[in-house]
Structure formats: structure tokens, C-alpha cells
């Protein structure tokens, strides 16, 4: 019954191995999309329009980036 199990190939030392970023980026993007969807749903449930919610999310992202840049100085 091993035919139903996914085939996993062993990577040898000479083969390309993904960087951590390459391995995590698809999951990160998926989670980011899920978070944004939930935030929009919550905002719409609270009476905001979807456009207002997306603008607020974009503003939060800008604020986060600016605060991270300020911490590096």
C-alpha cells in the first residue's frame, strides 16, 4: 500500500537545496493573503466598505515599514 504515499526523493549534498527564503516564501504569501482576507471580512462586518478596509490595511503596512526603517537608524 505504499503506492498511496507521496514519493519523496532524498536530496544529496551536491544538489541544489532551497534557501530558507525560497522554502518559506510561498507559505508566507499564502498566510499574508489569508490575514488580509480576514481583516477585510471583519471590517465589512463592522460596517466598513471593502475599499475602506483595503485602504486601512495598506496604511497599516506603510506604518509598519516606516517603523522598521526608523528602528534601523
Protein backbone atom coordinates (compact mmCIF):
# COMPACT_ATOMS: atom_id res chain seq x y z
CA UNK A 1 0.00 0.00 0.00
CA UNK A 2 2.97 2.35 -0.27
CA UNK A 3 1.63 3.46 -3.66
CA UNK A 4 -0.71 5.93 -1.96
CA UNK A 5 2.11 7.67 -0.09
CA UNK A 6 3.74 10.68 -1.74
CA UNK A 7 7.14 9.89 -3.25
CA UNK A 8 9.91 11.81 -1.51
CA UNK A 9 13.33 11.92 -3.10
CA UNK A 10 16.39 12.21 -0.89
CA UNK A 11 18.50 15.26 -1.76
CA UNK A 12 22.21 14.60 -1.91
CA UNK A 13 24.85 17.08 -0.78
CA UNK A 14 25.75 18.09 -4.34
CA UNK A 15 22.21 19.03 -5.34
CA UNK A 16 20.63 22.44 -5.03
CA UNK A 17 18.89 22.96 -1.73
CA UNK A 18 16.34 25.72 -1.31
CA UNK A 19 17.25 28.69 0.80
CA UNK A 20 15.05 29.33 3.80
CA UNK A 21 13.50 32.28 1.96
CA UNK A 22 12.71 30.16 -1.11
CA UNK A 23 11.14 27.49 1.07
CA UNK A 24 9.09 29.84 3.26
CA UNK A 25 8.01 32.50 0.77
CA UNK A 26 5.02 30.60 -0.71
CA UNK A 27 3.65 29.86 2.76
CA UNK A 28 4.28 33.44 3.89
CA UNK A 29 2.40 34.81 0.86
CA UNK A 30 -0.49 32.42 1.46
CA UNK A 31 -0.73 33.41 5.13
CA UNK A 32 -0.50 37.11 4.27
CA UNK A 33 -3.40 36.72 1.83
CA UNK A 34 -5.45 34.83 4.42
CA UNK A 35 -4.82 37.52 7.04
CA UNK A 36 -5.81 40.28 4.61
CA UNK A 37 -8.99 38.42 3.67
CA UNK A 38 -9.96 38.01 7.32
CA UNK A 39 -9.22 41.66 8.06
CA UNK A 40 -11.43 42.79 5.17
CA UNK A 41 -14.21 40.43 6.27
CA UNK A 42 -14.04 41.78 9.82
CA UNK A 43 -14.06 45.38 8.62
CA UNK A 44 -17.02 44.76 6.30
CA UNK A 45 -18.88 43.04 9.16
CA UNK A 46 -18.23 46.16 11.25
CA UNK A 47 -19.79 48.36 8.57
CA UNK A 48 -16.77 49.48 6.55
CA UNK A 49 -16.66 49.15 2.78
CA UNK A 50 -14.15 46.72 1.30
CA UNK A 51 -12.29 49.68 -0.24
CA UNK A 52 -12.04 51.41 3.15
CA UNK A 53 -10.75 48.20 4.68
CA UNK A 54 -8.09 47.77 1.99
CA UNK A 55 -7.00 51.40 2.40
CA UNK A 56 -6.69 50.88 6.17
CA UNK A 57 -4.66 47.69 5.64
CA UNK A 58 -2.35 49.49 3.20
CA UNK A 59 -1.88 52.31 5.72
CA UNK A 60 -1.00 49.79 8.44
CA UNK A 61 1.56 48.17 6.13
CA UNK A 62 3.11 51.58 5.30
CA UNK A 63 3.28 52.42 9.00
CA UNK A 64 4.94 49.07 9.75
CA UNK A 65 7.55 49.59 7.03
CA UNK A 66 8.29 53.12 8.19
CA UNK A 67 8.65 52.00 11.81
CA UNK A 68 11.04 49.23 10.75
CA UNK A 69 13.13 51.73 8.77
CA UNK A 70 13.21 54.02 11.80
CA UNK A 71 14.47 51.20 14.00
CA UNK A 72 17.43 50.59 11.67
CA UNK A 73 18.79 54.13 12.09
